PDB file of N, CA and C in Angstrom:
ATOM      1  N   MET A   1       0.825  -1.022  -0.080  1.00  0.00           N
ATOM      2  CA  MET A   1       0.159  -0.036  -0.002  1.00  0.00           C
ATOM      3  C   MET A   1       0.959   1.179  -0.084  1.00  0.00           C
ATOM      4  N   LEU A   2       0.304   2.471  -0.611  1.00  0.00           N
ATOM      5  CA  LEU A   2       1.306   3.451  -0.418  1.00  0.00           C
ATOM      6  C   LEU A   2       0.740   4.380   0.702  1.00  0.00           C
ATOM      7  N   LEU A   3       1.981   4.876   1.356  1.00  0.00           N
ATOM      8  CA  LEU A   3       1.651   5.629   2.549  1.00  0.00           C
ATOM      9  C   LEU A   3       2.282   6.819   2.340  1.00  0.00           C
ATOM     10  N   GLU A   4       1.681   8.083   2.447  1.00  0.00           N
ATOM     11  CA  GLU A   4       2.049   9.388   2.519  1.00  0.00           C
ATOM     12  C   GLU A   4       2.062  10.321   4.087  1.00  0.00           C
ATOM     13  N   ILE A   5       3.025  10.684   4.344  1.00  0.00           N
ATOM     14  CA  ILE A   5       2.990  11.564   5.529  1.00  0.00           C
ATOM     15  C   ILE A   5       3.246  12.777   5.249  1.00  0.00           C
ATOM     16  N   ILE A   6       2.450  13.596   5.540  1.00  0.00           N
ATOM     17  CA  ILE A   6       2.505  15.495   5.073  1.00  0.00           C
ATOM     18  C   ILE A   6       2.299  16.247   6.310  1.00  0.00           C
ATOM     19  N   THR A   7       3.307  17.308   6.525  1.00  0.00           N
ATOM     20  CA  THR A   7       2.910  18.398   7.361  1.00  0.00           C
ATOM     21  C   THR A   7       2.737  19.627   6.594  1.00  0.00           C
ATOM     22  N   PRO A   8       2.285  20.538   7.363  1.00  0.00           N
ATOM     23  CA  PRO A   8       2.017  21.948   6.696  1.00  0.00           C
ATOM     24  C   PRO A   8       3.176  22.585   5.633  1.00  0.00           C
ATOM     25  N   ASP A   9       4.738  21.937   6.176  1.00  0.00           N
ATOM     26  CA  ASP A   9       5.866  22.307   5.587  1.00  0.00           C
ATOM     27  C   ASP A   9       6.149  21.514   4.405  1.00  0.00           C
ATOM     28  N   LYS A  10       6.167  20.278   4.388  1.00  0.00           N
ATOM     29  CA  LYS A  10       7.020  19.389   3.307  1.00  0.00           C
ATOM     30  C   LYS A  10       6.096  18.210   3.676  1.00  0.00           C
ATOM     31  N   LYS A  11       6.554  17.103   2.539  1.00  0.00           N
ATOM     32  CA  LYS A  11       6.224  15.726   2.455  1.00  0.00           C
ATOM     33  C   LYS A  11       7.271  15.169   3.147  1.00  0.00           C
ATOM     34  N   VAL A  12       7.026  14.515   4.423  1.00  0.00           N
ATOM     35  CA  VAL A  12       7.917  13.801   5.001  1.00  0.00           C
ATOM     36  C   VAL A  12       8.183  12.254   4.636  1.00  0.00           C
ATOM     37  N   PHE A  13       7.092  11.624   4.331  1.00  0.00           N
ATOM     38  CA  PHE A  13       7.362  10.182   3.943  1.00  0.00           C
ATOM     39  C   PHE A  13       6.502  10.006   2.675  1.00  0.00           C
ATOM     40  N   GLU A  14       6.955   9.352   1.445  1.00  0.00           N
ATOM     41  CA  GLU A  14       6.072   8.608   0.627  1.00  0.00           C
ATOM     42  C   GLU A  14       6.775   7.389   0.289  1.00  0.00           C
ATOM     43  N   GLY A  15       5.709   6.190   0.132  1.00  0.00           N
ATOM     44  CA  GLY A  15       6.647   4.976  -0.364  1.00  0.00           C
ATOM     45  C   GLY A  15       5.646   3.950  -0.080  1.00  0.00           C
ATOM     46  N   GLU A  16       5.878   2.710  -0.732  1.00  0.00           N
ATOM     47  CA  GLU A  16       5.019   1.521  -0.402  1.00  0.00           C
ATOM     48  C   GLU A  16       5.526   0.913   1.106  1.00  0.00           C
ATOM     49  N   VAL A  17       4.624   0.463   1.650  1.00  0.00           N
ATOM     50  CA  VAL A  17       4.971  -0.018   3.045  1.00  0.00           C
ATOM     51  C   VAL A  17       3.944  -1.355   2.918  1.00  0.00           C
ATOM     52  N   SER A  18       4.240  -2.210   3.994  1.00  0.00           N
ATOM     53  CA  SER A  18       3.413  -3.369   4.105  1.00  0.00           C
ATOM     54  C   SER A  18       2.476  -2.964   5.374  1.00  0.00           C
ATOM     55  N   SER A  19       3.177  -2.581   6.435  1.00  0.00           N
ATOM     56  CA  SER A  19       2.127  -1.867   7.537  1.00  0.00           C
ATOM     57  C   SER A  19       2.640  -0.610   8.327  1.00  0.00           C
ATOM     58  N   ALA A  20       1.619  -0.400   8.766  1.00  0.00           N
ATOM     59  CA  ALA A  20       1.940   1.309   9.701  1.00  0.00           C
ATOM     60  C   ALA A  20       0.930   1.083  10.612  1.00  0.00           C
ATOM     61  N   THR A  21       1.844   1.776  11.957  1.00  0.00           N
ATOM     62  CA  THR A  21       1.017   1.785  13.281  1.00  0.00           C
ATOM     63  C   THR A  21       0.926   2.974  13.749  1.00  0.00           C
ATOM     64  N   PHE A  22      -0.112   3.420  14.139  1.00  0.00           N
ATOM     65  CA  PHE A  22      -0.211   4.892  14.841  1.00  0.00           C
ATOM     66  C   PHE A  22      -0.931   4.929  16.019  1.00  0.00           C
ATOM     67  N   THR A  23      -0.818   6.095  16.490  1.00  0.00           N
ATOM     68  CA  THR A  23      -1.086   6.288  18.133  1.00  0.00           C
ATOM     69  C   THR A  23      -2.548   6.920  17.702  1.00  0.00           C
ATOM     70  N   GLY A  24      -3.614   6.479  17.949  1.00  0.00           N
ATOM     71  CA  GLY A  24      -4.600   7.260  17.793  1.00  0.00           C
ATOM     72  C   GLY A  24      -5.484   7.846  18.948  1.00  0.00           C
ATOM     73  N   ALA A  25      -6.600   8.615  19.109  1.00  0.00           N
ATOM     74  CA  ALA A  25      -7.237   8.825  20.519  1.00  0.00           C
ATOM     75  C   ALA A  25      -7.343   8.077  21.287  1.00  0.00           C
ATOM     76  N   GLU A  26      -7.842   6.569  20.795  1.00  0.00           N
ATOM     77  CA  GLU A  26      -8.107   5.514  21.937  1.00  0.00           C
ATOM     78  C   GLU A  26      -6.875   4.510  21.965  1.00  0.00           C
ATOM     79  N   GLY A  27      -5.608   4.835  21.615  1.00  0.00           N
ATOM     80  CA  GLY A  27      -4.522   3.823  21.472  1.00  0.00           C
ATOM     81  C   GLY A  27      -4.046   3.517  20.166  1.00  0.00           C
ATOM     82  N   GLU A  28      -3.237   2.663  20.281  1.00  0.00           N
ATOM     83  CA  GLU A  28      -2.822   2.566  18.822  1.00  0.00           C
ATOM     84  C   GLU A  28      -3.327   1.515  18.146  1.00  0.00           C
ATOM     85  N   PHE A  29      -3.231   1.531  16.626  1.00  0.00           N
ATOM     86  CA  PHE A  29      -3.872   0.907  15.546  1.00  0.00           C
ATOM     87  C   PHE A  29      -3.070   0.629  14.419  1.00  0.00           C
ATOM     88  N   GLN A  30      -3.206  -0.657  13.984  1.00  0.00           N
ATOM     89  CA  GLN A  30      -2.285  -0.862  12.759  1.00  0.00           C
ATOM     90  C   GLN A  30      -3.130  -0.976  11.354  1.00  0.00           C
ATOM     91  N   VAL A  31      -2.567  -0.665  10.138  1.00  0.00           N
ATOM     92  CA  VAL A  31      -3.125  -0.619   8.932  1.00  0.00           C
ATOM     93  C   VAL A  31      -2.331  -1.624   8.194  1.00  0.00           C
ATOM     94  N   LEU A  32      -2.781  -2.608   7.576  1.00  0.00           N
ATOM     95  CA  LEU A  32      -2.556  -3.170   6.734  1.00  0.00           C
ATOM     96  C   LEU A  32      -3.190  -3.505   5.285  1.00  0.00           C
ATOM     97  N   SER A  33      -2.350  -4.070   4.297  1.00  0.00           N
ATOM     98  CA  SER A  33      -2.952  -3.763   2.779  1.00  0.00           C
ATOM     99  C   SER A  33      -4.366  -4.422   2.688  1.00  0.00           C
ATOM    100  N   ASN A  34      -5.283  -3.327   2.104  1.00  0.00           N
ATOM    101  CA  ASN A  34      -6.786  -3.830   1.807  1.00  0.00           C
ATOM    102  C   ASN A  34      -7.493  -3.529   3.174  1.00  0.00           C
ATOM    103  N   HIS A  35      -7.082  -2.531   4.076  1.00  0.00           N
ATOM    104  CA  HIS A  35      -7.461  -2.419   5.250  1.00  0.00           C
ATOM    105  C   HIS A  35      -9.040  -1.676   4.593  1.00  0.00           C
ATOM    106  N   ALA A  36      -9.799  -1.702   5.509  1.00  0.00           N
ATOM    107  CA  ALA A  36     -11.240  -1.169   5.162  1.00  0.00           C
ATOM    108  C   ALA A  36     -10.909   0.412   5.291  1.00  0.00           C
ATOM    109  N   PRO A  37     -12.002   1.277   4.669  1.00  0.00           N
ATOM    110  CA  PRO A  37     -11.635   2.684   4.515  1.00  0.00           C
ATOM    111  C   PRO A  37     -12.186   3.360   5.841  1.00  0.00           C
ATOM    112  N   MET A  38     -11.188   4.134   6.281  1.00  0.00           N
ATOM    113  CA  MET A  38     -11.428   4.732   7.420  1.00  0.00           C
ATOM    114  C   MET A  38     -10.852   6.294   7.599  1.00  0.00           C
ATOM    115  N   ILE A  39     -11.272   7.062   8.437  1.00  0.00           N
ATOM    116  CA  ILE A  39     -10.445   8.245   8.740  1.00  0.00           C
ATOM    117  C   ILE A  39     -10.563   8.333  10.489  1.00  0.00           C
ATOM    118  N   SER A  40      -9.376   8.653  10.988  1.00  0.00           N
ATOM    119  CA  SER A  40      -9.131   8.678  12.216  1.00  0.00           C
ATOM    120  C   SER A  40      -8.484   9.920  12.750  1.00  0.00           C
ATOM    121  N   ALA A  41      -8.608  10.448  13.894  1.00  0.00           N
ATOM    122  CA  ALA A  41      -7.740  11.548  14.533  1.00  0.00           C
ATOM    123  C   ALA A  41      -6.441  10.804  14.998  1.00  0.00           C
ATOM    124  N   LEU A  42      -5.337  11.613  15.022  1.00  0.00           N
ATOM    125  CA  LEU A  42      -4.147  10.736  15.396  1.00  0.00           C
ATOM    126  C   LEU A  42      -4.007  11.591  16.613  1.00  0.00           C
ATOM    127  N   GLY A  43      -3.221  10.983  17.877  1.00  0.00           N
ATOM    128  CA  GLY A  43      -2.610  12.006  18.896  1.00  0.00           C
ATOM    129  C   GLY A  43      -1.118  12.325  18.883  1.00  0.00           C
ATOM    130  N   LYS A  44      -0.584  12.976  19.637  1.00  0.00           N
ATOM    131  CA  LYS A  44       0.901  12.852  19.780  1.00  0.00           C
ATOM    132  C   LYS A  44       1.522  11.518  19.994  1.00  0.00           C
ATOM    133  N   GLY A  45       2.270  11.005  19.082  1.00  0.00           N
ATOM    134  CA  GLY A  45       2.931   9.661  19.378  1.00  0.00           C
ATOM    135  C   GLY A  45       3.681   9.235  18.032  1.00  0.00           C
ATOM    136  N   ARG A  46       3.810   7.978  18.241  1.00  0.00           N
ATOM    137  CA  ARG A  46       4.564   7.166  17.175  1.00  0.00           C
ATOM    138  C   ARG A  46       3.879   6.720  16.084  1.00  0.00           C
ATOM    139  N   VAL A  47       4.532   6.881  14.952  1.00  0.00           N
ATOM    140  CA  VAL A  47       3.950   6.245  13.769  1.00  0.00           C
ATOM    141  C   VAL A  47       5.403   5.171  13.245  1.00  0.00           C
ATOM    142  N   SER A  48       4.920   4.019  12.982  1.00  0.00           N
ATOM    143  CA  SER A  48       5.928   2.841  12.736  1.00  0.00           C
ATOM    144  C   SER A  48       5.578   2.486  11.731  1.00  0.00           C
ATOM    145  N   ILE A  49       6.322   2.704  10.711  1.00  0.00           N
ATOM    146  CA  ILE A  49       6.433   2.280   9.189  1.00  0.00           C
ATOM    147  C   ILE A  49       7.291   1.172   8.731  1.00  0.00           C
ATOM    148  N   THR A  50       6.823   0.086   8.467  1.00  0.00           N
ATOM    149  CA  THR A  50       7.316  -1.315   7.918  1.00  0.00           C
ATOM    150  C   THR A  50       7.541  -1.390   6.543  1.00  0.00           C
ATOM    151  N   ALA A  51       8.502  -1.336   6.035  1.00  0.00           N
ATOM    152  CA  ALA A  51       8.649  -1.526   4.377  1.00  0.00           C
ATOM    153  C   ALA A  51       9.949  -2.186   4.037  1.00  0.00           C
ATOM    154  N   SER A  52       9.822  -3.312   3.376  1.00  0.00           N
ATOM    155  CA  SER A  52      10.851  -3.922   2.783  1.00  0.00           C
ATOM    156  C   SER A  52      11.625  -4.898   3.960  1.00  0.00           C
ATOM    157  N   GLY A  53      10.963  -4.968   4.893  1.00  0.00           N
ATOM    158  CA  GLY A  53      11.407  -5.808   6.331  1.00  0.00           C
ATOM    159  C   GLY A  53      12.014  -4.916   7.100  1.00  0.00           C
ATOM    160  N   LYS A  54      12.362  -3.516   6.881  1.00  0.00           N
ATOM    161  CA  LYS A  54      12.750  -2.761   7.806  1.00  0.00           C
ATOM    162  C   LYS A  54      11.590  -1.817   8.413  1.00  0.00           C
ATOM    163  N   VAL A  55      12.009  -1.272   9.731  1.00  0.00           N
ATOM    164  CA  VAL A  55      10.778  -0.790  10.580  1.00  0.00           C
ATOM    165  C   VAL A  55      11.776   0.635  10.706  1.00  0.00           C
ATOM    166  N   GLU A  56      11.034   1.999  10.425  1.00  0.00           N
ATOM    167  CA  GLU A  56      11.074   3.373  10.757  1.00  0.00           C
ATOM    168  C   GLU A  56       9.972   3.836  11.557  1.00  0.00           C
ATOM    169  N   ASN A  57      10.502   4.481  12.542  1.00  0.00           N
ATOM    170  CA  ASN A  57       9.697   5.355  13.486  1.00  0.00           C
ATOM    171  C   ASN A  57       9.833   6.776  13.272  1.00  0.00           C
ATOM    172  N   LEU A  58       8.667   7.323  13.229  1.00  0.00           N
ATOM    173  CA  LEU A  58       8.380   8.755  13.444  1.00  0.00           C
ATOM    174  C   LEU A  58       7.607   9.186  14.797  1.00  0.00           C
ATOM    175  N   ILE A  59       8.022  10.312  15.071  1.00  0.00           N
ATOM    176  CA  ILE A  59       6.893  10.944  16.130  1.00  0.00           C
ATOM    177  C   ILE A  59       6.410  12.001  15.764  1.00  0.00           C
ATOM    178  N   ILE A  60       5.027  12.123  15.507  1.00  0.00           N
ATOM    179  CA  ILE A  60       4.470  12.963  15.084  1.00  0.00           C
ATOM    180  C   ILE A  60       3.636  14.025  16.193  1.00  0.00           C
ATOM    181  N   ASP A  61       3.130  15.018  15.736  1.00  0.00           N
ATOM    182  CA  ASP A  61       2.303  15.941  16.960  1.00  0.00           C
ATOM    183  C   ASP A  61       0.946  16.204  16.705  1.00  0.00           C
ATOM    184  N   GLY A  62       0.335  14.872  16.346  1.00  0.00           N
ATOM    185  CA  GLY A  62      -1.079  14.885  16.031  1.00  0.00           C
ATOM    186  C   GLY A  62      -1.517  15.035  14.804  1.00  0.00           C
ATOM    187  N   GLY A  63      -2.728  14.985  14.523  1.00  0.00           N
ATOM    188  CA  GLY A  63      -3.071  15.279  13.010  1.00  0.00           C
ATOM    189  C   GLY A  63      -4.254  13.854  12.655  1.00  0.00           C
ATOM    190  N   VAL A  64      -4.297  13.735  11.092  1.00  0.00           N
ATOM    191  CA  VAL A  64      -5.716  13.002  10.975  1.00  0.00           C
ATOM    192  C   VAL A  64      -4.824  11.921   9.761  1.00  0.00           C
ATOM    193  N   VAL A  65      -5.293  10.778   9.724  1.00  0.00           N
ATOM    194  CA  VAL A  65      -5.294   9.790   8.810  1.00  0.00           C
ATOM    195  C   VAL A  65      -6.274   9.037   8.181  1.00  0.00           C
ATOM    196  N   GLU A  66      -6.015   9.200   6.767  1.00  0.00           N
ATOM    197  CA  GLU A  66      -7.295   8.612   5.965  1.00  0.00           C
ATOM    198  C   GLU A  66      -6.650   7.316   5.103  1.00  0.00           C
ATOM    199  N   VAL A  67      -7.711   6.191   5.164  1.00  0.00           N
ATOM    200  CA  VAL A  67      -7.272   5.111   4.340  1.00  0.00           C
ATOM    201  C   VAL A  67      -8.399   4.836   3.556  1.00  0.00           C
ATOM    202  N   LEU A  68      -7.953   4.528   2.270  1.00  0.00           N
ATOM    203  CA  LEU A  68      -8.751   4.434   1.098  1.00  0.00           C
ATOM    204  C   LEU A  68      -8.181   3.575  -0.180  1.00  0.00           C
ATOM    205  N   ASN A  69      -8.419   2.388  -0.426  1.00  0.00           N
ATOM    206  CA  ASN A  69      -8.076   1.771  -1.644  1.00  0.00           C
ATOM    207  C   ASN A  69      -6.584   1.467  -1.480  1.00  0.00           C
ATOM    208  N   ASN A  70      -6.117   1.128  -0.377  1.00  0.00           N
ATOM    209  CA  ASN A  70      -4.540   1.068  -0.352  1.00  0.00           C
ATOM    210  C   ASN A  70      -3.770   2.388  -0.436  1.00  0.00           C
ATOM    211  N   ASN A  71      -4.405   3.514  -0.141  1.00  0.00           N
ATOM    212  CA  ASN A  71      -3.712   4.615   0.129  1.00  0.00           C
ATOM    213  C   ASN A  71      -4.107   5.096   1.392  1.00  0.00           C
ATOM    214  N   VAL A  72      -3.055   5.553   2.130  1.00  0.00           N
ATOM    215  CA  VAL A  72      -2.935   6.039   3.499  1.00  0.00           C
ATOM    216  C   VAL A  72      -2.185   7.121   3.418  1.00  0.00           C
ATOM    217  N   ILE A  73      -3.122   8.330   3.613  1.00  0.00           N
ATOM    218  CA  ILE A  73      -2.564   9.829   3.745  1.00  0.00           C
ATOM    219  C   ILE A  73      -2.606  10.214   5.321  1.00  0.00           C
ATOM    220  N   VAL A  74      -1.475  10.593   5.762  1.00  0.00           N
ATOM    221  CA  VAL A  74      -1.435  11.372   7.047  1.00  0.00           C
ATOM    222  C   VAL A  74      -1.059  12.552   6.985  1.00  0.00           C
ATOM    223  N   LEU A  75      -2.069  13.362   7.593  1.00  0.00           N
ATOM    224  CA  LEU A  75      -1.671  15.070   7.524  1.00  0.00           C
ATOM    225  C   LEU A  75      -1.378  15.148   9.108  1.00  0.00           C
ATOM    226  N   ALA A  76      -0.286  15.433   9.194  1.00  0.00           N
ATOM    227  CA  ALA A  76       0.222  15.781  10.475  1.00  0.00           C
ATOM    228  C   ALA A  76       0.599  16.970  10.867  1.00  0.00           C
ATOM    229  N   GLU A  77       0.440  17.570  12.183  1.00  0.00           N
ATOM    230  CA  GLU A  77       0.788  18.832  12.548  1.00  0.00           C
ATOM    231  C   GLU A  77       2.293  19.138  12.591  1.00  0.00           C
ATOM    232  N   SER A  78       3.101  18.383  12.916  1.00  0.00           N
ATOM    233  CA  SER A  78       4.369  18.445  12.576  1.00  0.00           C
ATOM    234  C   SER A  78       5.190  17.077  12.865  1.00  0.00           C
ATOM    235  N   VAL A  79       6.425  16.920  12.439  1.00  0.00           N
ATOM    236  CA  VAL A  79       7.278  15.593  12.753  1.00  0.00           C
ATOM    237  C   VAL A  79       8.181  16.395  13.892  1.00  0.00           C
ATOM    238  N   ILE A  80       8.305  15.607  15.167  1.00  0.00           N
ATOM    239  CA  ILE A  80       8.868  15.909  16.286  1.00  0.00           C
ATOM    240  C   ILE A  80      10.226  15.291  16.074  1.00  0.00           C
ATOM    241  N   GLU A  81      10.420  13.877  16.171  1.00  0.00           N
ATOM    242  CA  GLU A  81      11.645  13.047  15.639  1.00  0.00           C
ATOM    243  C   GLU A  81      11.363  12.045  14.239  1.00  0.00           C
ATOM    244  N   GLY A  82      12.371  11.811  13.969  1.00  0.00           N
ATOM    245  CA  GLY A  82      12.351  10.968  12.758  1.00  0.00           C
ATOM    246  C   GLY A  82      13.615  10.473  12.403  1.00  0.00           C
TER     247      GLY A  82
END
């Protein structure tokens, strides 16, 4: 699936991933290929990206994620660490 992480300043990440884990308002959740469509608010916390067997972690300061047709778009307030 294609994951894009965008802040008001720049595109932080774009690429094919096998999974992504987010910190939501009610706790962590994971998105895999062919996930059901959804929109969720994100809290301040970790975004864990798995691609080609490697894991990359970013810390965002809240935002929104949309999942639709194997496209995952994250609109983040900012990336604190990455």
